[in-house]
Amino acid sequence: MNATQTGLISGLILGTAAAVGGFIGFLIALLIGVVGLVVGRILDGELDVSDLIGRAKDRQ
């Protein structure tokens, strides 16, 4: 299991534990899962944050 998968799973578990119940809980778990996925991809080197930041600066 790589860092991307670990980040996604841990984010989903933490999100589920933090948000108990209903549709709002589902949305919170989904949001935290996406954050975990992004952090895992950054740690795996599959997502380069400097590219994203550089593109935003180029637009201004």
PDB file of N, CA and C in Angstrom:
ATOM      1  N   MET A   1       0.852  -1.168   0.000  1.00  0.00           N
ATOM      2  CA  MET A   1       0.000   0.000   0.000  1.00  0.00           C
ATOM      3  C   MET A   1       0.905   1.240   0.000  1.00  0.00           C
ATOM      4  N   ASN A   2       0.683   2.127  -0.956  1.00  0.00           N
ATOM      5  CA  ASN A   2       1.514   3.317  -1.043  1.00  0.00           C
ATOM      6  C   ASN A   2       0.910   4.466  -0.240  1.00  0.00           C
ATOM      7  N   ALA A   3       1.599   5.603  -0.234  1.00  0.00           N
ATOM      8  CA  ALA A   3       1.160   6.745   0.579  1.00  0.00           C
ATOM      9  C   ALA A   3      -0.175   7.305   0.099  1.00  0.00           C
ATOM     10  N   THR A   4      -0.452   7.210  -1.204  1.00  0.00           N
ATOM     11  CA  THR A   4      -1.731   7.701  -1.723  1.00  0.00           C
ATOM     12  C   THR A   4      -2.888   6.910  -1.135  1.00  0.00           C
ATOM     13  N   GLN A   5      -2.776   5.604  -1.168  1.00  0.00           N
ATOM     14  CA  GLN A   5      -3.833   4.760  -0.621  1.00  0.00           C
ATOM     15  C   GLN A   5      -3.952   4.934   0.891  1.00  0.00           C
ATOM     16  N   THR A   6      -2.825   5.023   1.563  1.00  0.00           N
ATOM     17  CA  THR A   6      -2.836   5.209   3.008  1.00  0.00           C
ATOM     18  C   THR A   6      -3.480   6.539   3.379  1.00  0.00           C
ATOM     19  N   GLY A   7      -3.148   7.588   2.637  1.00  0.00           N
ATOM     20  CA  GLY A   7      -3.737   8.890   2.898  1.00  0.00           C
ATOM     21  C   GLY A   7      -5.233   8.900   2.677  1.00  0.00           C
ATOM     22  N   LEU A   8      -5.680   8.256   1.603  1.00  0.00           N
ATOM     23  CA  LEU A   8      -7.103   8.191   1.321  1.00  0.00           C
ATOM     24  C   LEU A   8      -7.848   7.421   2.403  1.00  0.00           C
ATOM     25  N   ILE A   9      -7.343   6.267   2.774  1.00  0.00           N
ATOM     26  CA  ILE A   9      -8.007   5.440   3.788  1.00  0.00           C
ATOM     27  C   ILE A   9      -8.021   6.148   5.142  1.00  0.00           C
ATOM     28  N   SER A  10      -6.896   6.722   5.540  1.00  0.00           N
ATOM     29  CA  SER A  10      -6.866   7.394   6.837  1.00  0.00           C
ATOM     30  C   SER A  10      -7.775   8.620   6.843  1.00  0.00           C
ATOM     31  N   GLY A  11      -7.819   9.343   5.733  1.00  0.00           N
ATOM     32  CA  GLY A  11      -8.720  10.490   5.653  1.00  0.00           C
ATOM     33  C   GLY A  11     -10.171  10.081   5.758  1.00  0.00           C
ATOM     34  N   LEU A  12     -10.535   8.999   5.091  1.00  0.00           N
ATOM     35  CA  LEU A  12     -11.916   8.517   5.167  1.00  0.00           C
ATOM     36  C   LEU A  12     -12.270   8.032   6.569  1.00  0.00           C
ATOM     37  N   ILE A  13     -11.346   7.347   7.210  1.00  0.00           N
ATOM     38  CA  ILE A  13     -11.605   6.866   8.569  1.00  0.00           C
ATOM     39  C   ILE A  13     -11.739   8.030   9.539  1.00  0.00           C
ATOM     40  N   LEU A  14     -10.824   8.994   9.448  1.00  0.00           N
ATOM     41  CA  LEU A  14     -10.895  10.149  10.335  1.00  0.00           C
ATOM     42  C   LEU A  14     -12.149  10.986  10.063  1.00  0.00           C
ATOM     43  N   GLY A  15     -12.490  11.125   8.801  1.00  0.00           N
ATOM     44  CA  GLY A  15     -13.691  11.878   8.464  1.00  0.00           C
ATOM     45  C   GLY A  15     -14.944  11.213   8.982  1.00  0.00           C
ATOM     46  N   THR A  16     -14.995   9.905   8.881  1.00  0.00           N
ATOM     47  CA  THR A  16     -16.151   9.161   9.377  1.00  0.00           C
ATOM     48  C   THR A  16     -16.237   9.261  10.893  1.00  0.00           C
ATOM     49  N   ALA A  17     -15.087   9.188  11.550  1.00  0.00           N
ATOM     50  CA  ALA A  17     -15.082   9.302  13.012  1.00  0.00           C
ATOM     51  C   ALA A  17     -15.473  10.706  13.458  1.00  0.00           C
ATOM     52  N   ALA A  18     -15.074  11.720  12.694  1.00  0.00           N
ATOM     53  CA  ALA A  18     -15.353  13.106  13.084  1.00  0.00           C
ATOM     54  C   ALA A  18     -16.803  13.494  12.812  1.00  0.00           C
ATOM     55  N   ALA A  19     -17.382  12.925  11.799  1.00  0.00           N
ATOM     56  CA  ALA A  19     -18.738  13.320  11.393  1.00  0.00           C
ATOM     57  C   ALA A  19     -19.684  12.151  11.569  1.00  0.00           C
ATOM     58  N   VAL A  20     -20.499  12.239  12.556  1.00  0.00           N
ATOM     59  CA  VAL A  20     -21.406  11.132  12.835  1.00  0.00           C
ATOM     60  C   VAL A  20     -22.797  11.504  12.326  1.00  0.00           C
ATOM     61  N   GLY A  21     -23.208  10.792  11.286  1.00  0.00           N
ATOM     62  CA  GLY A  21     -24.596  10.863  10.890  1.00  0.00           C
ATOM     63  C   GLY A  21     -24.950  11.754   9.720  1.00  0.00           C
ATOM     64  N   GLY A  22     -25.877  11.256   8.929  1.00  0.00           N
ATOM     65  CA  GLY A  22     -26.558  12.023   7.906  1.00  0.00           C
ATOM     66  C   GLY A  22     -25.730  12.377   6.683  1.00  0.00           C
ATOM     67  N   PHE A  23     -26.350  13.181   5.843  1.00  0.00           N
ATOM     68  CA  PHE A  23     -25.737  13.588   4.584  1.00  0.00           C
ATOM     69  C   PHE A  23     -24.568  14.527   4.825  1.00  0.00           C
ATOM     70  N   ILE A  24     -24.681  15.387   5.836  1.00  0.00           N
ATOM     71  CA  ILE A  24     -23.586  16.301   6.172  1.00  0.00           C
ATOM     72  C   ILE A  24     -22.356  15.493   6.592  1.00  0.00           C
ATOM     73  N   GLY A  25     -22.572  14.449   7.350  1.00  0.00           N
ATOM     74  CA  GLY A  25     -21.471  13.578   7.754  1.00  0.00           C
ATOM     75  C   GLY A  25     -20.799  12.935   6.560  1.00  0.00           C
ATOM     76  N   PHE A  26     -21.603  12.524   5.579  1.00  0.00           N
ATOM     77  CA  PHE A  26     -21.058  11.948   4.356  1.00  0.00           C
ATOM     78  C   PHE A  26     -20.198  12.968   3.617  1.00  0.00           C
ATOM     79  N   LEU A  27     -20.689  14.206   3.520  1.00  0.00           N
ATOM     80  CA  LEU A  27     -19.927  15.241   2.818  1.00  0.00           C
ATOM     81  C   LEU A  27     -18.617  15.562   3.530  1.00  0.00           C
ATOM     82  N   ILE A  28     -18.642  15.598   4.858  1.00  0.00           N
ATOM     83  CA  ILE A  28     -17.417  15.856   5.619  1.00  0.00           C
ATOM     84  C   ILE A  28     -16.421  14.723   5.423  1.00  0.00           C
ATOM     85  N   ALA A  29     -16.893  13.473   5.468  1.00  0.00           N
ATOM     86  CA  ALA A  29     -16.012  12.329   5.252  1.00  0.00           C
ATOM     87  C   ALA A  29     -15.426  12.351   3.843  1.00  0.00           C
ATOM     88  N   LEU A  30     -16.231  12.725   2.858  1.00  0.00           N
ATOM     89  CA  LEU A  30     -15.756  12.808   1.485  1.00  0.00           C
ATOM     90  C   LEU A  30     -14.692  13.896   1.350  1.00  0.00           C
ATOM     91  N   LEU A  31     -14.921  15.046   1.945  1.00  0.00           N
ATOM     92  CA  LEU A  31     -13.969  16.147   1.882  1.00  0.00           C
ATOM     93  C   LEU A  31     -12.639  15.781   2.532  1.00  0.00           C
ATOM     94  N   ILE A  32     -12.701  15.186   3.707  1.00  0.00           N
ATOM     95  CA  ILE A  32     -11.474  14.801   4.395  1.00  0.00           C
ATOM     96  C   ILE A  32     -10.772  13.672   3.642  1.00  0.00           C
ATOM     97  N   GLY A  33     -11.525  12.788   3.004  1.00  0.00           N
ATOM     98  CA  GLY A  33     -10.935  11.741   2.174  1.00  0.00           C
ATOM     99  C   GLY A  33     -10.184  12.313   0.982  1.00  0.00           C
ATOM    100  N   VAL A  34     -10.744  13.346   0.366  1.00  0.00           N
ATOM    101  CA  VAL A  34     -10.067  13.993  -0.768  1.00  0.00           C
ATOM    102  C   VAL A  34      -8.788  14.672  -0.295  1.00  0.00           C
ATOM    103  N   VAL A  35      -8.833  15.314   0.868  1.00  0.00           N
ATOM    104  CA  VAL A  35      -7.633  15.941   1.418  1.00  0.00           C
ATOM    105  C   VAL A  35      -6.559  14.876   1.676  1.00  0.00           C
ATOM    106  N   GLY A  36      -6.958  13.749   2.238  1.00  0.00           N
ATOM    107  CA  GLY A  36      -6.012  12.656   2.465  1.00  0.00           C
ATOM    108  C   GLY A  36      -5.430  12.123   1.172  1.00  0.00           C
ATOM    109  N   LEU A  37      -6.249  12.039   0.141  1.00  0.00           N
ATOM    110  CA  LEU A  37      -5.778  11.574  -1.164  1.00  0.00           C
ATOM    111  C   LEU A  37      -4.750  12.542  -1.743  1.00  0.00           C
ATOM    112  N   VAL A  38      -5.026  13.833  -1.657  1.00  0.00           N
ATOM    113  CA  VAL A  38      -4.100  14.834  -2.193  1.00  0.00           C
ATOM    114  C   VAL A  38      -2.773  14.798  -1.437  1.00  0.00           C
ATOM    115  N   VAL A  39      -2.829  14.721  -0.112  1.00  0.00           N
ATOM    116  CA  VAL A  39      -1.601  14.652   0.680  1.00  0.00           C
ATOM    117  C   VAL A  39      -0.812  13.398   0.336  1.00  0.00           C
ATOM    118  N   GLY A  40      -1.495  12.281   0.174  1.00  0.00           N
ATOM    119  CA  GLY A  40      -0.816  11.043  -0.207  1.00  0.00           C
ATOM    120  C   GLY A  40      -0.149  11.143  -1.566  1.00  0.00           C
ATOM    121  N   ARG A  41      -0.809  11.768  -2.523  1.00  0.00           N
ATOM    122  CA  ARG A  41      -0.223  11.939  -3.858  1.00  0.00           C
ATOM    123  C   ARG A  41       0.989  12.845  -3.812  1.00  0.00           C
ATOM    124  N   ILE A  42       0.942  13.874  -2.974  1.00  0.00           N
ATOM    125  CA  ILE A  42       2.097  14.756  -2.822  1.00  0.00           C
ATOM    126  C   ILE A  42       3.261  13.975  -2.232  1.00  0.00           C
ATOM    127  N   LEU A  43       3.001  13.145  -1.227  1.00  0.00           N
ATOM    128  CA  LEU A  43       4.056  12.355  -0.604  1.00  0.00           C
ATOM    129  C   LEU A  43       4.629  11.305  -1.557  1.00  0.00           C
ATOM    130  N   ASP A  44       3.797  10.771  -2.458  1.00  0.00           N
ATOM    131  CA  ASP A  44       4.259   9.804  -3.443  1.00  0.00           C
ATOM    132  C   ASP A  44       5.012  10.467  -4.592  1.00  0.00           C
ATOM    133  N   GLY A  45       4.892  11.772  -4.705  1.00  0.00           N
ATOM    134  CA  GLY A  45       5.537  12.481  -5.801  1.00  0.00           C
ATOM    135  C   GLY A  45       4.723  12.479  -7.079  1.00  0.00           C
ATOM    136  N   GLU A  46       3.474  12.092  -7.006  1.00  0.00           N
ATOM    137  CA  GLU A  46       2.608  12.056  -8.181  1.00  0.00           C
ATOM    138  C   GLU A  46       1.934  13.400  -8.453  1.00  0.00           C
ATOM    139  N   LEU A  47       1.986  14.298  -7.468  1.00  0.00           N
ATOM    140  CA  LEU A  47       1.363  15.611  -7.607  1.00  0.00           C
ATOM    141  C   LEU A  47       2.378  16.651  -7.158  1.00  0.00           C
ATOM    142  N   ASP A  48       2.684  17.597  -8.040  1.00  0.00           N
ATOM    143  CA  ASP A  48       3.669  18.618  -7.742  1.00  0.00           C
ATOM    144  C   ASP A  48       2.950  19.929  -7.427  1.00  0.00           C
ATOM    145  N   VAL A  49       3.050  20.355  -6.190  1.00  0.00           N
ATOM    146  CA  VAL A  49       2.346  21.548  -5.745  1.00  0.00           C
ATOM    147  C   VAL A  49       2.912  22.798  -6.413  1.00  0.00           C
ATOM    148  N   SER A  50       4.202  22.813  -6.680  1.00  0.00           N
ATOM    149  CA  SER A  50       4.813  23.999  -7.290  1.00  0.00           C
ATOM    150  C   SER A  50       4.250  24.263  -8.681  1.00  0.00           C
ATOM    151  N   ASP A  51       3.882  23.219  -9.399  1.00  0.00           N
ATOM    152  CA  ASP A  51       3.249  23.415 -10.709  1.00  0.00           C
ATOM    153  C   ASP A  51       1.900  24.113 -10.559  1.00  0.00           C
ATOM    154  N   LEU A  52       1.129  23.707  -9.570  1.00  0.00           N
ATOM    155  CA  LEU A  52      -0.176  24.315  -9.347  1.00  0.00           C
ATOM    156  C   LEU A  52      -0.044  25.773  -8.915  1.00  0.00           C
ATOM    157  N   ILE A  53       0.899  26.045  -8.030  1.00  0.00           N
ATOM    158  CA  ILE A  53       1.111  27.409  -7.545  1.00  0.00           C
ATOM    159  C   ILE A  53       1.677  28.277  -8.665  1.00  0.00           C
ATOM    160  N   GLY A  54       2.586  27.725  -9.459  1.00  0.00           N
ATOM    161  CA  GLY A  54       3.179  28.475 -10.562  1.00  0.00           C
ATOM    162  C   GLY A  54       2.147  28.868 -11.599  1.00  0.00           C
ATOM    163  N   ARG A  55       1.224  27.999 -11.883  1.00  0.00           N
ATOM    164  CA  ARG A  55       0.171  28.308 -12.851  1.00  0.00           C
ATOM    165  C   ARG A  55      -0.723  29.428 -12.349  1.00  0.00           C
ATOM    166  N   ALA A  56      -1.004  29.419 -11.053  1.00  0.00           N
ATOM    167  CA  ALA A  56      -1.850  30.479 -10.500  1.00  0.00           C
ATOM    168  C   ALA A  56      -1.140  31.831 -10.561  1.00  0.00           C
ATOM    169  N   LYS A  57       0.179  31.843 -10.331  1.00  0.00           N
ATOM    170  CA  LYS A  57       0.933  33.099 -10.383  1.00  0.00           C
ATOM    171  C   LYS A  57       1.052  33.607 -11.815  1.00  0.00           C
ATOM    172  N   ASP A  58       1.124  32.692 -12.786  1.00  0.00           N
ATOM    173  CA  ASP A  58       1.256  33.094 -14.183  1.00  0.00           C
ATOM    174  C   ASP A  58      -0.001  33.801 -14.682  1.00  0.00           C
ATOM    175  N   ARG A  59      -1.139  33.489 -14.121  1.00  0.00           N
ATOM    176  CA  ARG A  59      -2.412  34.083 -14.555  1.00  0.00           C
ATOM    177  C   ARG A  59      -2.538  35.540 -14.151  1.00  0.00           C
ATOM    178  N   GLN A  60      -1.865  35.927 -13.087  1.00  0.00           N
ATOM    179  CA  GLN A  60      -2.039  37.298 -12.566  1.00  0.00           C
ATOM    180  C   GLN A  60      -1.244  38.302 -13.344  1.00  0.00           C
TER     181      GLN A  60
END
